[in-house]
Amino acid sequence: MTLDQAGQAGRGSVFSWAMYDWANSAFATIVMAGFFPIFFRDFWSKGQASDVITFHLGAVNSFASLFVAIIAPVLGAIAAYFGAT
């Protein structure tokens, strides 16, 4: 993002960043809500009952969320220590 002499972002830079952020959010939503469950059902859980597939998907998502919640403060402390924030 380019800044002017006063240290403010230009109008074009702000609009470009907003469009990038919008597209990135839309992409992530489509992949997580649309593509991943179908991929999980058709490839990783082929031949299993629907309720078992749903349970496994929920369990994996819960484990991943718990892992992120546990590791995020540690990684944040490391980043702060080394001046990355």
PDB file of N, CA and C in Angstrom:
ATOM      1  N   MET A   1       0.858  -1.171   0.000  1.00  0.00           N
ATOM      2  CA  MET A   1       0.000   0.000   0.000  1.00  0.00           C
ATOM      3  C   MET A   1       0.902   1.231   0.000  1.00  0.00           C
ATOM      4  N   THR A   2       0.614   2.136  -0.886  1.00  0.00           N
ATOM      5  CA  THR A   2       1.430   3.344  -0.970  1.00  0.00           C
ATOM      6  C   THR A   2       0.877   4.427  -0.055  1.00  0.00           C
ATOM      7  N   LEU A   3       1.771   5.197   0.514  1.00  0.00           N
ATOM      8  CA  LEU A   3       1.380   6.280   1.416  1.00  0.00           C
ATOM      9  C   LEU A   3       1.764   7.616   0.798  1.00  0.00           C
ATOM     10  N   ASP A   4       0.962   8.642   1.084  1.00  0.00           N
ATOM     11  CA  ASP A   4       1.306   9.988   0.604  1.00  0.00           C
ATOM     12  C   ASP A   4       2.271  10.652   1.589  1.00  0.00           C
ATOM     13  N   GLN A   5       2.574  11.928   1.392  1.00  0.00           N
ATOM     14  CA  GLN A   5       3.550  12.611   2.240  1.00  0.00           C
ATOM     15  C   GLN A   5       3.087  12.726   3.683  1.00  0.00           C
ATOM     16  N   ALA A   6       1.782  12.733   3.922  1.00  0.00           N
ATOM     17  CA  ALA A   6       1.269  12.832   5.287  1.00  0.00           C
ATOM     18  C   ALA A   6       1.193  11.473   5.971  1.00  0.00           C
ATOM     19  N   GLY A   7       1.582  10.414   5.259  1.00  0.00           N
ATOM     20  CA  GLY A   7       1.535   9.085   5.856  1.00  0.00           C
ATOM     21  C   GLY A   7       0.177   8.411   5.727  1.00  0.00           C
ATOM     22  N   GLN A   8      -0.700   8.965   4.905  1.00  0.00           N
ATOM     23  CA  GLN A   8      -2.033   8.402   4.709  1.00  0.00           C
ATOM     24  C   GLN A   8      -2.044   7.546   3.438  1.00  0.00           C
ATOM     25  N   ALA A   9      -2.842   6.493   3.476  1.00  0.00           N
ATOM     26  CA  ALA A   9      -2.982   5.646   2.298  1.00  0.00           C
ATOM     27  C   ALA A   9      -3.828   6.364   1.257  1.00  0.00           C
ATOM     28  N   GLY A  10      -3.451   6.241   0.000  1.00  0.00           N
ATOM     29  CA  GLY A  10      -4.209   6.855  -1.082  1.00  0.00           C
ATOM     30  C   GLY A  10      -5.537   6.150  -1.293  1.00  0.00           C
ATOM     31  N   ARG A  11      -6.470   6.840  -1.919  1.00  0.00           N
ATOM     32  CA  ARG A  11      -7.810   6.296  -2.138  1.00  0.00           C
ATOM     33  C   ARG A  11      -7.759   5.003  -2.968  1.00  0.00           C
ATOM     34  N   GLY A  12      -6.923   4.993  -3.999  1.00  0.00           N
ATOM     35  CA  GLY A  12      -6.798   3.796  -4.831  1.00  0.00           C
ATOM     36  C   GLY A  12      -6.231   2.620  -4.060  1.00  0.00           C
ATOM     37  N   SER A  13      -5.280   2.896  -3.182  1.00  0.00           N
ATOM     38  CA  SER A  13      -4.695   1.825  -2.376  1.00  0.00           C
ATOM     39  C   SER A  13      -5.716   1.239  -1.414  1.00  0.00           C
ATOM     40  N   VAL A  14      -6.511   2.084  -0.817  1.00  0.00           N
ATOM     41  CA  VAL A  14      -7.532   1.604   0.119  1.00  0.00           C
ATOM     42  C   VAL A  14      -8.568   0.773  -0.628  1.00  0.00           C
ATOM     43  N   PHE A  15      -9.011   1.245  -1.795  1.00  0.00           N
ATOM     44  CA  PHE A  15      -9.985   0.500  -2.576  1.00  0.00           C
ATOM     45  C   PHE A  15      -9.403  -0.845  -3.021  1.00  0.00           C
ATOM     46  N   SER A  16      -8.149  -0.849  -3.459  1.00  0.00           N
ATOM     47  CA  SER A  16      -7.501  -2.090  -3.885  1.00  0.00           C
ATOM     48  C   SER A  16      -7.423  -3.087  -2.732  1.00  0.00           C
ATOM     49  N   TRP A  17      -7.060  -2.599  -1.564  1.00  0.00           N
ATOM     50  CA  TRP A  17      -6.980  -3.485  -0.408  1.00  0.00           C
ATOM     51  C   TRP A  17      -8.355  -4.022  -0.034  1.00  0.00           C
ATOM     52  N   ALA A  18      -9.380  -3.179  -0.100  1.00  0.00           N
ATOM     53  CA  ALA A  18     -10.744  -3.626   0.211  1.00  0.00           C
ATOM     54  C   ALA A  18     -11.191  -4.711  -0.762  1.00  0.00           C
ATOM     55  N   MET A  19     -10.889  -4.553  -2.040  1.00  0.00           N
ATOM     56  CA  MET A  19     -11.267  -5.566  -3.033  1.00  0.00           C
ATOM     57  C   MET A  19     -10.500  -6.869  -2.815  1.00  0.00           C
ATOM     58  N   TYR A  20      -9.211  -6.759  -2.498  1.00  0.00           N
ATOM     59  CA  TYR A  20      -8.428  -7.948  -2.196  1.00  0.00           C
ATOM     60  C   TYR A  20      -9.004  -8.679  -0.995  1.00  0.00           C
ATOM     61  N   ASP A  21      -9.299  -7.944   0.068  1.00  0.00           N
ATOM     62  CA  ASP A  21      -9.828  -8.549   1.285  1.00  0.00           C
ATOM     63  C   ASP A  21     -11.179  -9.203   1.032  1.00  0.00           C
ATOM     64  N   TRP A  22     -12.030  -8.549   0.254  1.00  0.00           N
ATOM     65  CA  TRP A  22     -13.337  -9.110  -0.081  1.00  0.00           C
ATOM     66  C   TRP A  22     -13.180 -10.415  -0.861  1.00  0.00           C
ATOM     67  N   ALA A  23     -12.321 -10.414  -1.869  1.00  0.00           N
ATOM     68  CA  ALA A  23     -12.137 -11.609  -2.688  1.00  0.00           C
ATOM     69  C   ALA A  23     -11.520 -12.742  -1.883  1.00  0.00           C
ATOM     70  N   ASN A  24     -10.574 -12.425  -1.016  1.00  0.00           N
ATOM     71  CA  ASN A  24      -9.942 -13.446  -0.194  1.00  0.00           C
ATOM     72  C   ASN A  24     -10.949 -14.070   0.769  1.00  0.00           C
ATOM     73  N   SER A  25     -11.818 -13.262   1.348  1.00  0.00           N
ATOM     74  CA  SER A  25     -12.851 -13.776   2.251  1.00  0.00           C
ATOM     75  C   SER A  25     -13.840 -14.655   1.500  1.00  0.00           C
ATOM     76  N   ALA A  26     -14.238 -14.229   0.310  1.00  0.00           N
ATOM     77  CA  ALA A  26     -15.170 -15.024  -0.490  1.00  0.00           C
ATOM     78  C   ALA A  26     -14.538 -16.359  -0.877  1.00  0.00           C
ATOM     79  N   PHE A  27     -13.282 -16.347  -1.260  1.00  0.00           N
ATOM     80  CA  PHE A  27     -12.591 -17.583  -1.629  1.00  0.00           C
ATOM     81  C   PHE A  27     -12.533 -18.550  -0.445  1.00  0.00           C
ATOM     82  N   ALA A  28     -12.142 -18.048   0.713  1.00  0.00           N
ATOM     83  CA  ALA A  28     -12.049 -18.911   1.891  1.00  0.00           C
ATOM     84  C   ALA A  28     -13.408 -19.490   2.258  1.00  0.00           C
ATOM     85  N   THR A  29     -14.452 -18.690   2.167  1.00  0.00           N
ATOM     86  CA  THR A  29     -15.796 -19.170   2.487  1.00  0.00           C
ATOM     87  C   THR A  29     -16.220 -20.263   1.515  1.00  0.00           C
ATOM     88  N   ILE A  30     -15.977 -20.068   0.241  1.00  0.00           N
ATOM     89  CA  ILE A  30     -16.365 -21.074  -0.749  1.00  0.00           C
ATOM     90  C   ILE A  30     -15.610 -22.374  -0.524  1.00  0.00           C
ATOM     91  N   VAL A  31     -14.333 -22.286  -0.258  1.00  0.00           N
ATOM     92  CA  VAL A  31     -13.538 -23.494  -0.056  1.00  0.00           C
ATOM     93  C   VAL A  31     -13.966 -24.215   1.215  1.00  0.00           C
ATOM     94  N   MET A  32     -14.111 -23.489   2.323  1.00  0.00           N
ATOM     95  CA  MET A  32     -14.435 -24.138   3.598  1.00  0.00           C
ATOM     96  C   MET A  32     -15.881 -24.621   3.683  1.00  0.00           C
ATOM     97  N   ALA A  33     -16.809 -23.865   3.134  1.00  0.00           N
ATOM     98  CA  ALA A  33     -18.220 -24.227   3.258  1.00  0.00           C
ATOM     99  C   ALA A  33     -18.738 -25.015   2.064  1.00  0.00           C
ATOM    100  N   GLY A  34     -18.118 -24.862   0.904  1.00  0.00           N
ATOM    101  CA  GLY A  34     -18.635 -25.512  -0.285  1.00  0.00           C
ATOM    102  C   GLY A  34     -17.809 -26.685  -0.768  1.00  0.00           C
ATOM    103  N   PHE A  35     -16.520 -26.489  -0.910  1.00  0.00           N
ATOM    104  CA  PHE A  35     -15.672 -27.513  -1.499  1.00  0.00           C
ATOM    105  C   PHE A  35     -15.213 -28.575  -0.495  1.00  0.00           C
ATOM    106  N   PHE A  36     -14.729 -28.158   0.661  1.00  0.00           N
ATOM    107  CA  PHE A  36     -14.126 -29.105   1.602  1.00  0.00           C
ATOM    108  C   PHE A  36     -15.085 -30.188   2.082  1.00  0.00           C
ATOM    109  N   PRO A  37     -16.344 -29.876   2.479  1.00  0.00           N
ATOM    110  CA  PRO A  37     -17.233 -30.962   2.909  1.00  0.00           C
ATOM    111  C   PRO A  37     -17.509 -31.990   1.816  1.00  0.00           C
ATOM    112  N   ILE A  38     -17.628 -31.542   0.572  1.00  0.00           N
ATOM    113  CA  ILE A  38     -17.857 -32.474  -0.529  1.00  0.00           C
ATOM    114  C   ILE A  38     -16.621 -33.331  -0.761  1.00  0.00           C
ATOM    115  N   PHE A  39     -15.451 -32.703  -0.749  1.00  0.00           N
ATOM    116  CA  PHE A  39     -14.199 -33.440  -0.891  1.00  0.00           C
ATOM    117  C   PHE A  39     -14.049 -34.461   0.239  1.00  0.00           C
ATOM    118  N   PHE A  40     -14.326 -34.042   1.455  1.00  0.00           N
ATOM    119  CA  PHE A  40     -14.212 -34.930   2.615  1.00  0.00           C
ATOM    120  C   PHE A  40     -15.152 -36.126   2.467  1.00  0.00           C
ATOM    121  N   ARG A  41     -16.389 -35.867   2.029  1.00  0.00           N
ATOM    122  CA  ARG A  41     -17.377 -36.942   1.885  1.00  0.00           C
ATOM    123  C   ARG A  41     -16.998 -37.899   0.765  1.00  0.00           C
ATOM    124  N   ASP A  42     -16.605 -37.378  -0.377  1.00  0.00           N
ATOM    125  CA  ASP A  42     -16.397 -38.217  -1.558  1.00  0.00           C
ATOM    126  C   ASP A  42     -15.047 -38.928  -1.594  1.00  0.00           C
ATOM    127  N   PHE A  43     -14.030 -38.406  -0.927  1.00  0.00           N
ATOM    128  CA  PHE A  43     -12.702 -39.008  -1.015  1.00  0.00           C
ATOM    129  C   PHE A  43     -12.218 -39.611   0.297  1.00  0.00           C
ATOM    130  N   TRP A  44     -12.334 -38.887   1.386  1.00  0.00           N
ATOM    131  CA  TRP A  44     -11.809 -39.400   2.648  1.00  0.00           C
ATOM    132  C   TRP A  44     -12.767 -40.335   3.353  1.00  0.00           C
ATOM    133  N   SER A  45     -14.054 -40.170   3.155  1.00  0.00           N
ATOM    134  CA  SER A  45     -15.045 -40.960   3.895  1.00  0.00           C
ATOM    135  C   SER A  45     -15.945 -41.762   2.966  1.00  0.00           C
ATOM    136  N   LYS A  46     -15.433 -42.151   1.845  1.00  0.00           N
ATOM    137  CA  LYS A  46     -16.233 -42.855   0.847  1.00  0.00           C
ATOM    138  C   LYS A  46     -16.778 -44.163   1.427  1.00  0.00           C
ATOM    139  N   GLY A  47     -18.078 -44.355   1.257  1.00  0.00           N
ATOM    140  CA  GLY A  47     -18.714 -45.586   1.697  1.00  0.00           C
ATOM    141  C   GLY A  47     -19.222 -45.577   3.127  1.00  0.00           C
ATOM    142  N   GLN A  48     -19.034 -44.493   3.859  1.00  0.00           N
ATOM    143  CA  GLN A  48     -19.514 -44.429   5.234  1.00  0.00           C
ATOM    144  C   GLN A  48     -20.881 -43.768   5.290  1.00  0.00           C
ATOM    145  N   ALA A  49     -21.581 -44.019   6.383  1.00  0.00           N
ATOM    146  CA  ALA A  49     -22.899 -43.421   6.575  1.00  0.00           C
ATOM    147  C   ALA A  49     -22.779 -41.913   6.770  1.00  0.00           C
ATOM    148  N   SER A  50     -23.836 -41.210   6.413  1.00  0.00           N
ATOM    149  CA  SER A  50     -23.826 -39.745   6.473  1.00  0.00           C
ATOM    150  C   SER A  50     -23.579 -39.227   7.889  1.00  0.00           C
ATOM    151  N   ASP A  51     -24.184 -39.870   8.895  1.00  0.00           N
ATOM    152  CA  ASP A  51     -23.990 -39.389  10.264  1.00  0.00           C
ATOM    153  C   ASP A  51     -22.554 -39.610  10.749  1.00  0.00           C
ATOM    154  N   VAL A  52     -21.906 -40.655  10.293  1.00  0.00           N
ATOM    155  CA  VAL A  52     -20.510 -40.909  10.659  1.00  0.00           C
ATOM    156  C   VAL A  52     -19.604 -39.868   9.996  1.00  0.00           C
ATOM    157  N   ILE A  53     -19.880 -39.562   8.731  1.00  0.00           N
ATOM    158  CA  ILE A  53     -19.101 -38.552   8.019  1.00  0.00           C
ATOM    159  C   ILE A  53     -19.219 -37.202   8.713  1.00  0.00           C
ATOM    160  N   THR A  54     -20.455 -36.834   9.090  1.00  0.00           N
ATOM    161  CA  THR A  54     -20.682 -35.559   9.772  1.00  0.00           C
ATOM    162  C   THR A  54     -19.946 -35.519  11.109  1.00  0.00           C
ATOM    163  N   PHE A  55     -19.975 -36.626  11.847  1.00  0.00           N
ATOM    164  CA  PHE A  55     -19.260 -36.686  13.124  1.00  0.00           C
ATOM    165  C   PHE A  55     -17.758 -36.509  12.917  1.00  0.00           C
ATOM    166  N   HIS A  56     -17.197 -37.212  11.937  1.00  0.00           N
ATOM    167  CA  HIS A  56     -15.755 -37.107  11.694  1.00  0.00           C
ATOM    168  C   HIS A  56     -15.354 -35.696  11.264  1.00  0.00           C
ATOM    169  N   LEU A  57     -16.155 -35.079  10.405  1.00  0.00           N
ATOM    170  CA  LEU A  57     -15.855 -33.712   9.981  1.00  0.00           C
ATOM    171  C   LEU A  57     -15.906 -32.755  11.171  1.00  0.00           C
ATOM    172  N   GLY A  58     -16.908 -32.904  12.025  1.00  0.00           N
ATOM    173  CA  GLY A  58     -17.007 -32.064  13.219  1.00  0.00           C
ATOM    174  C   GLY A  58     -15.862 -32.294  14.185  1.00  0.00           C
ATOM    175  N   ALA A  59     -15.466 -33.560  14.354  1.00  0.00           N
ATOM    176  CA  ALA A  59     -14.365 -33.878  15.265  1.00  0.00           C
ATOM    177  C   ALA A  59     -13.046 -33.291  14.764  1.00  0.00           C
ATOM    178  N   VAL A  60     -12.792 -33.410  13.466  1.00  0.00           N
ATOM    179  CA  VAL A  60     -11.552 -32.862  12.905  1.00  0.00           C
ATOM    180  C   VAL A  60     -11.544 -31.339  13.027  1.00  0.00           C
ATOM    181  N   ASN A  61     -12.667 -30.689  12.725  1.00  0.00           N
ATOM    182  CA  ASN A  61     -12.739 -29.233  12.855  1.00  0.00           C
ATOM    183  C   ASN A  61     -12.569 -28.794  14.308  1.00  0.00           C
ATOM    184  N   SER A  62     -13.143 -29.535  15.240  1.00  0.00           N
ATOM    185  CA  SER A  62     -13.004 -29.205  16.658  1.00  0.00           C
ATOM    186  C   SER A  62     -11.564 -29.354  17.117  1.00  0.00           C
ATOM    187  N   PHE A  63     -10.923 -30.431  16.701  1.00  0.00           N
ATOM    188  CA  PHE A  63      -9.528 -30.645  17.082  1.00  0.00           C
ATOM    189  C   PHE A  63      -8.635 -29.539  16.516  1.00  0.00           C
ATOM    190  N   ALA A  64      -8.851 -29.188  15.257  1.00  0.00           N
ATOM    191  CA  ALA A  64      -8.045 -28.139  14.633  1.00  0.00           C
ATOM    192  C   ALA A  64      -8.254 -26.800  15.340  1.00  0.00           C
ATOM    193  N   SER A  65      -9.484 -26.486  15.701  1.00  0.00           N
ATOM    194  CA  SER A  65      -9.766 -25.230  16.406  1.00  0.00           C
ATOM    195  C   SER A  65      -9.115 -25.221  17.786  1.00  0.00           C
ATOM    196  N   LEU A  66      -9.190 -26.325  18.483  1.00  0.00           N
ATOM    197  CA  LEU A  66      -8.561 -26.429  19.800  1.00  0.00           C
ATOM    198  C   LEU A  66      -7.043 -26.284  19.683  1.00  0.00           C
ATOM    199  N   PHE A  67      -6.456 -26.899  18.674  1.00  0.00           N
ATOM    200  CA  PHE A  67      -5.016 -26.790  18.449  1.00  0.00           C
ATOM    201  C   PHE A  67      -4.610 -25.334  18.214  1.00  0.00           C
ATOM    202  N   VAL A  68      -5.367 -24.634  17.377  1.00  0.00           N
ATOM    203  CA  VAL A  68      -5.073 -23.227  17.099  1.00  0.00           C
ATOM    204  C   VAL A  68      -5.221 -22.395  18.370  1.00  0.00           C
ATOM    205  N   ALA A  69      -6.265 -22.656  19.154  1.00  0.00           N
ATOM    206  CA  ALA A  69      -6.477 -21.899  20.392  1.00  0.00           C
ATOM    207  C   ALA A  69      -5.344 -22.116  21.395  1.00  0.00           C
ATOM    208  N   ILE A  70      -4.769 -23.293  21.396  1.00  0.00           N
ATOM    209  CA  ILE A  70      -3.675 -23.592  22.330  1.00  0.00           C
ATOM    210  C   ILE A  70      -2.357 -23.002  21.834  1.00  0.00           C
ATOM    211  N   ILE A  71      -2.084 -23.131  20.550  1.00  0.00           N
ATOM    212  CA  ILE A  71      -0.780 -22.726  20.025  1.00  0.00           C
ATOM    213  C   ILE A  71      -0.684 -21.228  19.731  1.00  0.00           C
ATOM    214  N   ALA A  72      -1.807 -20.537  19.505  1.00  0.00           N
ATOM    215  CA  ALA A  72      -1.781 -19.117  19.136  1.00  0.00           C
ATOM    216  C   ALA A  72      -1.103 -18.231  20.188  1.00  0.00           C
ATOM    217  N   PRO A  73      -1.399 -18.373  21.481  1.00  0.00           N
ATOM    218  CA  PRO A  73      -0.701 -17.522  22.455  1.00  0.00           C
ATOM    219  C   PRO A  73       0.809 -17.777  22.492  1.00  0.00           C
ATOM    220  N   VAL A  74       1.204 -19.013  22.301  1.00  0.00           N
ATOM    221  CA  VAL A  74       2.632 -19.343  22.300  1.00  0.00           C
ATOM    222  C   VAL A  74       3.316 -18.682  21.102  1.00  0.00           C
ATOM    223  N   LEU A  75       2.701 -18.820  19.921  1.00  0.00           N
ATOM    224  CA  LEU A  75       3.282 -18.200  18.738  1.00  0.00           C
ATOM    225  C   LEU A  75       3.265 -16.676  18.843  1.00  0.00           C
ATOM    226  N   GLY A  76       2.228 -16.113  19.450  1.00  0.00           N
ATOM    227  CA  GLY A  76       2.169 -14.669  19.663  1.00  0.00           C
ATOM    228  C   GLY A  76       3.278 -14.192  20.585  1.00  0.00           C
ATOM    229  N   ALA A  77       3.546 -14.941  21.645  1.00  0.00           N
ATOM    230  CA  ALA A  77       4.625 -14.583  22.559  1.00  0.00           C
ATOM    231  C   ALA A  77       5.984 -14.671  21.871  1.00  0.00           C
ATOM    232  N   ILE A  78       6.170 -15.673  21.051  1.00  0.00           N
ATOM    233  CA  ILE A  78       7.421 -15.795  20.319  1.00  0.00           C
ATOM    234  C   ILE A  78       7.601 -14.637  19.350  1.00  0.00           C
ATOM    235  N   ALA A  79       6.516 -14.283  18.626  1.00  0.00           N
ATOM    236  CA  ALA A  79       6.584 -13.155  17.694  1.00  0.00           C
ATOM    237  C   ALA A  79       6.865 -11.841  18.434  1.00  0.00           C
ATOM    238  N   ALA A  80       6.242 -11.657  19.574  1.00  0.00           N
ATOM    239  CA  ALA A  80       6.471 -10.428  20.345  1.00  0.00           C
ATOM    240  C   ALA A  80       7.907 -10.379  20.863  1.00  0.00           C
ATOM    241  N   TYR A  81       8.431 -11.496  21.295  1.00  0.00           N
ATOM    242  CA  TYR A  81       9.788 -11.550  21.811  1.00  0.00           C
ATOM    243  C   TYR A  81      10.817 -11.159  20.740  1.00  0.00           C
ATOM    244  N   PHE A  82      10.582 -11.646  19.522  1.00  0.00           N
ATOM    245  CA  PHE A  82      11.524 -11.369  18.440  1.00  0.00           C
ATOM    246  C   PHE A  82      11.186 -10.092  17.672  1.00  0.00           C
ATOM    247  N   GLY A  83      10.167  -9.360  18.115  1.00  0.00           N
ATOM    248  CA  GLY A  83       9.839  -8.071  17.524  1.00  0.00           C
ATOM    249  C   GLY A  83       9.110  -8.157  16.195  1.00  0.00           C
ATOM    250  N   ALA A  84       8.376  -9.229  15.965  1.00  0.00           N
ATOM    251  CA  ALA A  84       7.668  -9.403  14.692  1.00  0.00           C
ATOM    252  C   ALA A  84       6.281  -8.767  14.702  1.00  0.00           C
ATOM    253  N   THR A  85       5.866  -8.205  15.832  1.00  0.00           N
ATOM    254  CA  THR A  85       4.518  -7.623  15.884  1.00  0.00           C
ATOM    255  C   THR A  85       4.590  -6.137  15.763  1.00  0.00           C
TER     256      THR A  85
END
